[in-house]
Amino acid sequence: MASTIRDIMSTNCVTATLLDNVYELAVLMKQFDIGFIPIVDGKKLIGVVTDRDLVVRGYADKNPGSTAVEEVMTKHLETIAPDATIEEAAKRMAASQIRRLPVVENGELVGVVAIGDLAVQQSLKQGALNALSGISEHDHREPPVVH
C-alpha cells in the first residue's frame, strides 16, 4: 500500500511556460484531454492554469487567444512535498476545494497528484471520497439566473 505522495503522483506532466499564450494552452488541454497545466520556468513551478482559468480570466474577460499565460494563471498555489502523506494531500485538497495538487521538491515541479490518485488507496478511500464530495458539492451549486 502506498504511503507517500511520491508513491502515487503522476510524473509525466504536460507543462507550459510564460512564453505560451492562452490559445496554446487550450490546444494542449484539448490534445491531452486535461484541464490543468502547471506553468514552469525551467523546472521551477511558477503557476498553474486550469480550464476554468482560461474561461474566467481569459475568454470571459474578452482576452484574445494571444493573451499571455501570465494574465490567466494562478500564482498563489497550494503544493505538497513528495514525501508528504497521502492523508495530508487529501486534507489539503478538501480544504482548498481543488482536484489537483502540484508536487514540489526544492521549488521544482516533480509531479501532480489528483483526487483520483487518492481514491485508489484503500486505507484513505473514505477520506478521498469525502474530499471529492466536498469539492463536487462546491461545484454543483445552482448557477445564478442571467436575465
N, C-alpha and C. Protein backbone atom coordinates (compact mmCIF):
# COMPACT_ATOMS: atom_id res chain seq x y z
N MET A 1 0.85 -1.18 0.00
CA MET A 1 0.00 0.00 0.00
C MET A 1 0.89 1.24 0.00
N ALA A 2 0.60 2.17 -0.87
CA ALA A 2 1.37 3.41 -0.96
C ALA A 2 1.21 4.22 0.32
N SER A 3 2.28 4.90 0.70
CA SER A 3 2.20 5.67 1.92
C SER A 3 2.55 7.15 1.75
N THR A 4 3.22 7.49 0.65
CA THR A 4 3.55 8.90 0.42
C THR A 4 3.07 9.34 -0.95
N ILE A 5 3.07 10.64 -1.14
CA ILE A 5 2.67 11.22 -2.42
C ILE A 5 3.56 10.69 -3.54
N ARG A 6 4.84 10.54 -3.27
CA ARG A 6 5.79 10.04 -4.28
C ARG A 6 5.32 8.70 -4.86
N ASP A 7 4.65 7.89 -4.04
CA ASP A 7 4.19 6.57 -4.47
C ASP A 7 3.02 6.62 -5.45
N ILE A 8 2.26 7.70 -5.44
CA ILE A 8 1.05 7.73 -6.27
C ILE A 8 1.00 8.88 -7.27
N MET A 9 1.94 9.83 -7.21
CA MET A 9 1.87 11.01 -8.08
C MET A 9 2.18 10.66 -9.53
N SER A 10 1.63 11.46 -10.43
CA SER A 10 1.96 11.35 -11.85
C SER A 10 3.21 12.19 -12.09
N THR A 11 4.13 11.65 -12.85
CA THR A 11 5.37 12.39 -13.11
C THR A 11 5.49 12.84 -14.57
N ASN A 12 4.65 12.33 -15.42
CA ASN A 12 4.69 12.72 -16.83
C ASN A 12 3.68 13.85 -17.09
N CYS A 13 3.99 15.02 -16.54
CA CYS A 13 3.08 16.15 -16.59
C CYS A 13 3.26 16.98 -17.86
N VAL A 14 2.15 17.38 -18.44
CA VAL A 14 2.18 18.35 -19.52
C VAL A 14 2.36 19.71 -18.87
N THR A 15 3.37 20.46 -19.30
CA THR A 15 3.63 21.78 -18.72
C THR A 15 3.69 22.83 -19.83
N ALA A 16 3.68 24.08 -19.40
CA ALA A 16 3.84 25.21 -20.32
C ALA A 16 4.73 26.24 -19.65
N THR A 17 5.09 27.28 -20.39
CA THR A 17 5.95 28.34 -19.85
C THR A 17 5.28 29.69 -20.08
N LEU A 18 5.91 30.73 -19.58
CA LEU A 18 5.39 32.08 -19.77
C LEU A 18 5.46 32.52 -21.23
N LEU A 19 6.17 31.78 -22.06
CA LEU A 19 6.23 32.10 -23.49
C LEU A 19 4.97 31.65 -24.23
N ASP A 20 4.18 30.80 -23.59
CA ASP A 20 2.95 30.31 -24.21
C ASP A 20 1.82 31.31 -24.03
N ASN A 21 0.77 31.15 -24.85
CA ASN A 21 -0.39 32.03 -24.71
C ASN A 21 -1.64 31.19 -24.43
N VAL A 22 -2.73 31.88 -24.22
CA VAL A 22 -4.00 31.25 -23.85
C VAL A 22 -4.44 30.23 -24.90
N TYR A 23 -4.33 30.57 -26.16
CA TYR A 23 -4.73 29.65 -27.23
C TYR A 23 -3.90 28.38 -27.18
N GLU A 24 -2.57 28.51 -27.00
CA GLU A 24 -1.70 27.34 -26.97
C GLU A 24 -2.05 26.42 -25.80
N LEU A 25 -2.42 27.01 -24.66
CA LEU A 25 -2.83 26.19 -23.52
C LEU A 25 -4.13 25.46 -23.81
N ALA A 26 -5.06 26.14 -24.45
CA ALA A 26 -6.33 25.50 -24.81
C ALA A 26 -6.08 24.31 -25.75
N VAL A 27 -5.17 24.47 -26.69
CA VAL A 27 -4.84 23.39 -27.62
C VAL A 27 -4.22 22.20 -26.86
N LEU A 28 -3.31 22.49 -25.93
CA LEU A 28 -2.71 21.42 -25.12
C LEU A 28 -3.78 20.68 -24.32
N MET A 29 -4.70 21.44 -23.74
CA MET A 29 -5.76 20.81 -22.95
C MET A 29 -6.62 19.90 -23.82
N LYS A 30 -6.92 20.34 -25.02
CA LYS A 30 -7.70 19.51 -25.94
C LYS A 30 -6.90 18.29 -26.38
N GLN A 31 -5.66 18.51 -26.78
CA GLN A 31 -4.80 17.44 -27.28
C GLN A 31 -4.59 16.33 -26.27
N PHE A 32 -4.39 16.69 -25.00
CA PHE A 32 -4.10 15.69 -23.96
C PHE A 32 -5.31 15.38 -23.08
N ASP A 33 -6.46 15.97 -23.39
CA ASP A 33 -7.70 15.76 -22.64
C ASP A 33 -7.49 16.01 -21.15
N ILE A 34 -6.95 17.21 -20.86
CA ILE A 34 -6.67 17.62 -19.49
C ILE A 34 -7.26 19.00 -19.23
N GLY A 35 -7.39 19.37 -17.98
CA GLY A 35 -7.92 20.68 -17.63
C GLY A 35 -7.02 21.43 -16.67
N PHE A 36 -5.74 21.02 -16.61
CA PHE A 36 -4.81 21.56 -15.63
C PHE A 36 -3.41 21.51 -16.21
N ILE A 37 -2.74 22.67 -16.27
CA ILE A 37 -1.38 22.71 -16.80
C ILE A 37 -0.49 23.52 -15.86
N PRO A 38 0.53 22.88 -15.29
CA PRO A 38 1.50 23.63 -14.49
C PRO A 38 2.33 24.55 -15.40
N ILE A 39 2.63 25.74 -14.91
CA ILE A 39 3.46 26.68 -15.64
C ILE A 39 4.83 26.68 -14.96
N VAL A 40 5.87 26.43 -15.75
CA VAL A 40 7.21 26.30 -15.19
C VAL A 40 8.18 27.27 -15.86
N ASP A 41 9.23 27.59 -15.10
CA ASP A 41 10.37 28.34 -15.60
C ASP A 41 11.54 27.38 -15.41
N GLY A 42 11.94 26.71 -16.48
CA GLY A 42 12.86 25.58 -16.35
C GLY A 42 12.08 24.46 -15.70
N LYS A 43 12.46 24.10 -14.46
CA LYS A 43 11.70 23.11 -13.71
C LYS A 43 10.97 23.74 -12.53
N LYS A 44 11.21 25.02 -12.31
CA LYS A 44 10.60 25.71 -11.17
C LYS A 44 9.12 25.99 -11.46
N LEU A 45 8.26 25.57 -10.54
CA LEU A 45 6.82 25.81 -10.66
C LEU A 45 6.53 27.27 -10.34
N ILE A 46 5.90 27.99 -11.27
CA ILE A 46 5.58 29.40 -11.04
C ILE A 46 4.09 29.69 -11.09
N GLY A 47 3.29 28.71 -11.49
CA GLY A 47 1.85 28.91 -11.54
C GLY A 47 1.16 27.70 -12.14
N VAL A 48 -0.16 27.76 -12.22
CA VAL A 48 -0.94 26.74 -12.92
C VAL A 48 -2.06 27.43 -13.67
N VAL A 49 -2.52 26.78 -14.71
CA VAL A 49 -3.69 27.26 -15.45
C VAL A 49 -4.65 26.09 -15.57
N THR A 50 -5.90 26.35 -15.18
CA THR A 50 -6.95 25.35 -15.34
C THR A 50 -7.85 25.76 -16.49
N ASP A 51 -8.68 24.82 -16.94
CA ASP A 51 -9.63 25.17 -17.98
C ASP A 51 -10.56 26.29 -17.50
N ARG A 52 -10.86 26.30 -16.23
CA ARG A 52 -11.70 27.36 -15.66
C ARG A 52 -10.99 28.71 -15.71
N ASP A 53 -9.67 28.72 -15.45
CA ASP A 53 -8.89 29.95 -15.56
C ASP A 53 -8.98 30.52 -16.97
N LEU A 54 -8.90 29.64 -17.97
CA LEU A 54 -8.97 30.10 -19.36
C LEU A 54 -10.31 30.77 -19.63
N VAL A 55 -11.37 30.20 -19.09
CA VAL A 55 -12.70 30.76 -19.32
C VAL A 55 -12.89 32.05 -18.53
N VAL A 56 -12.66 32.00 -17.22
CA VAL A 56 -12.97 33.13 -16.34
C VAL A 56 -12.02 34.31 -16.55
N ARG A 57 -10.71 34.03 -16.57
CA ARG A 57 -9.74 35.13 -16.68
C ARG A 57 -9.35 35.43 -18.12
N GLY A 58 -9.67 34.51 -19.01
CA GLY A 58 -9.29 34.68 -20.40
C GLY A 58 -10.46 35.12 -21.26
N TYR A 59 -11.20 34.17 -21.72
CA TYR A 59 -12.25 34.46 -22.70
C TYR A 59 -13.41 35.27 -22.14
N ALA A 60 -13.82 35.05 -20.91
CA ALA A 60 -14.94 35.82 -20.34
C ALA A 60 -14.55 37.29 -20.14
N ASP A 61 -13.27 37.56 -20.01
CA ASP A 61 -12.80 38.94 -19.92
C ASP A 61 -12.46 39.50 -21.30
N LYS A 62 -12.89 38.77 -22.34
CA LYS A 62 -12.71 39.17 -23.74
C LYS A 62 -11.24 39.30 -24.14
N ASN A 63 -10.39 38.50 -23.50
CA ASN A 63 -8.98 38.47 -23.88
C ASN A 63 -8.82 37.59 -25.10
N PRO A 64 -7.99 37.98 -26.06
CA PRO A 64 -7.78 37.16 -27.26
C PRO A 64 -6.92 35.94 -26.96
N GLY A 65 -6.88 35.02 -27.89
CA GLY A 65 -6.08 33.81 -27.75
C GLY A 65 -4.60 34.11 -27.61
N SER A 66 -4.18 35.28 -28.04
CA SER A 66 -2.77 35.64 -27.94
C SER A 66 -2.39 36.17 -26.56
N THR A 67 -3.36 36.22 -25.64
CA THR A 67 -3.09 36.71 -24.28
C THR A 67 -2.03 35.84 -23.61
N ALA A 68 -1.11 36.48 -22.93
CA ALA A 68 -0.02 35.77 -22.25
C ALA A 68 -0.56 34.89 -21.13
N VAL A 69 0.09 33.75 -20.95
CA VAL A 69 -0.25 32.82 -19.88
C VAL A 69 -0.28 33.53 -18.53
N GLU A 70 0.65 34.42 -18.30
CA GLU A 70 0.77 35.11 -17.02
C GLU A 70 -0.51 35.87 -16.65
N GLU A 71 -1.29 36.28 -17.64
CA GLU A 71 -2.52 37.02 -17.40
C GLU A 71 -3.63 36.16 -16.82
N VAL A 72 -3.58 34.86 -17.05
CA VAL A 72 -4.67 33.98 -16.61
C VAL A 72 -4.25 32.95 -15.55
N MET A 73 -2.95 32.80 -15.32
CA MET A 73 -2.50 31.74 -14.42
C MET A 73 -2.73 32.09 -12.96
N THR A 74 -2.91 31.04 -12.17
CA THR A 74 -2.98 31.17 -10.72
C THR A 74 -1.56 31.12 -10.20
N LYS A 75 -1.19 32.16 -9.44
CA LYS A 75 0.20 32.28 -8.97
C LYS A 75 0.36 31.82 -7.52
N HIS A 76 -0.67 31.99 -6.72
CA HIS A 76 -0.60 31.57 -5.32
C HIS A 76 -1.11 30.15 -5.23
N LEU A 77 -0.19 29.21 -5.09
CA LEU A 77 -0.52 27.80 -5.23
C LEU A 77 -0.47 27.04 -3.93
N GLU A 78 -1.32 26.06 -3.84
CA GLU A 78 -1.24 25.05 -2.80
C GLU A 78 -0.40 23.93 -3.41
N THR A 79 0.69 23.57 -2.77
CA THR A 79 1.55 22.49 -3.26
C THR A 79 1.81 21.52 -2.12
N ILE A 80 2.44 20.42 -2.46
CA ILE A 80 2.77 19.42 -1.45
C ILE A 80 4.12 18.80 -1.79
N ALA A 81 4.84 18.36 -0.79
CA ALA A 81 6.13 17.69 -0.97
C ALA A 81 5.90 16.22 -1.32
N PRO A 82 6.81 15.62 -2.07
CA PRO A 82 6.63 14.22 -2.46
C PRO A 82 6.65 13.24 -1.29
N ASP A 83 7.27 13.64 -0.18
CA ASP A 83 7.34 12.74 0.97
C ASP A 83 6.20 12.96 1.96
N ALA A 84 5.28 13.86 1.64
CA ALA A 84 4.11 14.07 2.49
C ALA A 84 3.20 12.84 2.43
N THR A 85 2.35 12.71 3.42
CA THR A 85 1.43 11.57 3.44
C THR A 85 0.26 11.79 2.50
N ILE A 86 -0.32 10.70 2.11
CA ILE A 86 -1.50 10.75 1.24
C ILE A 86 -2.65 11.40 1.99
N GLU A 87 -2.74 11.13 3.28
CA GLU A 87 -3.80 11.75 4.10
C GLU A 87 -3.66 13.27 4.11
N GLU A 88 -2.43 13.78 4.19
CA GLU A 88 -2.20 15.23 4.17
C GLU A 88 -2.67 15.82 2.85
N ALA A 89 -2.40 15.14 1.74
CA ALA A 89 -2.85 15.62 0.43
C ALA A 89 -4.38 15.68 0.39
N ALA A 90 -5.03 14.65 0.89
CA ALA A 90 -6.50 14.63 0.89
C ALA A 90 -7.05 15.79 1.70
N LYS A 91 -6.44 16.06 2.85
CA LYS A 91 -6.90 17.17 3.69
C LYS A 91 -6.71 18.51 3.00
N ARG A 92 -5.55 18.71 2.37
CA ARG A 92 -5.28 19.98 1.68
C ARG A 92 -6.22 20.19 0.49
N MET A 93 -6.45 19.13 -0.24
CA MET A 93 -7.33 19.23 -1.40
C MET A 93 -8.75 19.55 -0.97
N ALA A 94 -9.21 18.92 0.08
CA ALA A 94 -10.55 19.18 0.58
C ALA A 94 -10.66 20.60 1.12
N ALA A 95 -9.68 21.03 1.90
CA ALA A 95 -9.72 22.37 2.49
C ALA A 95 -9.67 23.47 1.43
N SER A 96 -8.92 23.22 0.36
CA SER A 96 -8.77 24.24 -0.69
C SER A 96 -9.74 24.06 -1.85
N GLN A 97 -10.56 23.00 -1.79
CA GLN A 97 -11.54 22.72 -2.85
C GLN A 97 -10.87 22.58 -4.21
N ILE A 98 -9.80 21.78 -4.26
CA ILE A 98 -9.08 21.55 -5.51
C ILE A 98 -9.00 20.07 -5.82
N ARG A 99 -8.90 19.76 -7.11
CA ARG A 99 -8.84 18.38 -7.56
C ARG A 99 -7.43 17.90 -7.86
N ARG A 100 -6.51 18.86 -8.05
CA ARG A 100 -5.13 18.51 -8.39
C ARG A 100 -4.17 19.31 -7.53
N LEU A 101 -3.08 18.69 -7.13
CA LEU A 101 -2.11 19.32 -6.25
C LEU A 101 -0.71 19.12 -6.84
N PRO A 102 -0.05 20.23 -7.22
CA PRO A 102 1.32 20.09 -7.73
C PRO A 102 2.25 19.57 -6.63
N VAL A 103 3.14 18.68 -7.01
CA VAL A 103 4.11 18.12 -6.07
C VAL A 103 5.45 18.81 -6.36
N VAL A 104 5.97 19.48 -5.33
CA VAL A 104 7.16 20.31 -5.50
C VAL A 104 8.25 19.88 -4.51
N GLU A 105 9.46 19.79 -5.05
CA GLU A 105 10.62 19.47 -4.22
C GLU A 105 11.72 20.47 -4.56
N ASN A 106 12.19 21.20 -3.56
CA ASN A 106 13.20 22.24 -3.75
C ASN A 106 12.76 23.27 -4.79
N GLY A 107 11.46 23.62 -4.79
CA GLY A 107 10.93 24.61 -5.71
C GLY A 107 10.64 24.10 -7.10
N GLU A 108 11.02 22.87 -7.38
CA GLU A 108 10.83 22.31 -8.72
C GLU A 108 9.64 21.36 -8.77
N LEU A 109 8.89 21.44 -9.87
CA LEU A 109 7.77 20.53 -10.09
C LEU A 109 8.30 19.13 -10.34
N VAL A 110 7.85 18.17 -9.53
CA VAL A 110 8.27 16.78 -9.73
C VAL A 110 7.09 15.87 -10.06
N GLY A 111 5.87 16.41 -9.95
CA GLY A 111 4.70 15.61 -10.27
C GLY A 111 3.43 16.33 -9.91
N VAL A 112 2.32 15.63 -10.11
CA VAL A 112 1.00 16.14 -9.75
C VAL A 112 0.22 14.98 -9.15
N VAL A 113 -0.51 15.26 -8.08
CA VAL A 113 -1.39 14.24 -7.51
C VAL A 113 -2.82 14.73 -7.71
N ALA A 114 -3.66 13.83 -8.17
CA ALA A 114 -5.06 14.16 -8.45
C ALA A 114 -5.96 13.44 -7.45
N ILE A 115 -7.16 13.95 -7.29
CA ILE A 115 -8.11 13.36 -6.35
C ILE A 115 -8.33 11.88 -6.68
N GLY A 116 -8.31 11.52 -7.95
CA GLY A 116 -8.47 10.13 -8.35
C GLY A 116 -7.34 9.24 -7.87
N ASP A 117 -6.12 9.82 -7.78
CA ASP A 117 -4.98 9.06 -7.27
C ASP A 117 -5.20 8.68 -5.82
N LEU A 118 -5.86 9.55 -5.08
CA LEU A 118 -6.12 9.28 -3.67
C LEU A 118 -7.19 8.21 -3.49
N ALA A 119 -8.16 8.22 -4.38
CA ALA A 119 -9.30 7.32 -4.25
C ALA A 119 -8.91 5.85 -4.37
N VAL A 120 -7.81 5.57 -5.06
CA VAL A 120 -7.41 4.17 -5.23
C VAL A 120 -6.73 3.60 -4.00
N GLN A 121 -6.40 4.43 -3.06
CA GLN A 121 -5.75 3.96 -1.84
C GLN A 121 -6.80 3.50 -0.84
N GLN A 122 -6.87 2.21 -0.61
CA GLN A 122 -7.92 1.65 0.25
C GLN A 122 -7.93 2.26 1.65
N SER A 123 -6.77 2.48 2.21
CA SER A 123 -6.72 2.97 3.59
C SER A 123 -7.27 4.38 3.72
N LEU A 124 -7.25 5.14 2.62
CA LEU A 124 -7.73 6.51 2.67
C LEU A 124 -8.87 6.75 1.70
N LYS A 125 -9.46 5.69 1.20
CA LYS A 125 -10.51 5.83 0.21
C LYS A 125 -11.64 6.72 0.73
N GLN A 126 -12.04 6.52 1.96
CA GLN A 126 -13.13 7.33 2.50
C GLN A 126 -12.73 8.80 2.59
N GLY A 127 -11.48 9.09 2.98
CA GLY A 127 -11.01 10.46 3.06
C GLY A 127 -11.03 11.14 1.70
N ALA A 128 -10.61 10.42 0.67
CA ALA A 128 -10.63 10.97 -0.67
C ALA A 128 -12.07 11.18 -1.15
N LEU A 129 -12.93 10.23 -0.83
CA LEU A 129 -14.33 10.38 -1.23
C LEU A 129 -14.97 11.58 -0.52
N ASN A 130 -14.61 11.78 0.75
CA ASN A 130 -15.12 12.95 1.46
C ASN A 130 -14.61 14.22 0.81
N ALA A 131 -13.33 14.24 0.42
CA ALA A 131 -12.76 15.41 -0.25
C ALA A 131 -13.47 15.65 -1.57
N LEU A 132 -13.67 14.58 -2.33
CA LEU A 132 -14.35 14.70 -3.61
C LEU A 132 -15.78 15.17 -3.42
N SER A 133 -16.45 14.65 -2.41
CA SER A 133 -17.81 15.06 -2.12
C SER A 133 -17.87 16.55 -1.81
N GLY A 134 -16.93 17.02 -1.00
CA GLY A 134 -16.90 18.44 -0.68
C GLY A 134 -16.64 19.29 -1.89
N ILE A 135 -15.74 18.84 -2.77
CA ILE A 135 -15.43 19.58 -3.99
C ILE A 135 -16.63 19.57 -4.92
N SER A 136 -17.24 18.41 -5.11
CA SER A 136 -18.38 18.30 -6.01
C SER A 136 -19.54 19.14 -5.50
N GLU A 137 -19.74 19.15 -4.20
CA GLU A 137 -20.80 19.95 -3.61
C GLU A 137 -20.57 21.42 -3.91
N HIS A 138 -19.33 21.84 -3.82
CA HIS A 138 -18.95 23.23 -4.11
C HIS A 138 -19.21 23.56 -5.59
N ASP A 139 -18.90 22.62 -6.49
CA ASP A 139 -19.00 22.86 -7.92
C ASP A 139 -20.44 22.83 -8.45
N HIS A 140 -21.36 22.17 -7.74
CA HIS A 140 -22.69 21.97 -8.30
C HIS A 140 -23.75 22.87 -7.67
N ARG A 141 -23.32 24.01 -7.18
CA ARG A 141 -24.31 24.95 -6.68
C ARG A 141 -25.11 25.48 -7.87
N GLU A 142 -26.30 25.91 -7.59
CA GLU A 142 -27.14 26.46 -8.64
C GLU A 142 -26.48 27.69 -9.25
N PRO A 143 -26.39 27.74 -10.58
CA PRO A 143 -25.81 28.92 -11.22
C PRO A 143 -26.76 30.11 -11.06
N PRO A 144 -26.21 31.31 -11.08
CA PRO A 144 -27.08 32.47 -10.99
C PRO A 144 -27.95 32.58 -12.23
N VAL A 145 -29.12 33.12 -12.07
CA VAL A 145 -30.03 33.32 -13.20
C VAL A 145 -29.57 34.58 -13.94
N VAL A 146 -29.37 34.43 -15.24
CA VAL A 146 -28.93 35.55 -16.06
C VAL A 146 -30.13 36.06 -16.85
N HIS A 147 -30.40 37.34 -16.74
CA HIS A 147 -31.52 37.93 -17.47
C HIS A 147 -31.04 38.73 -18.64
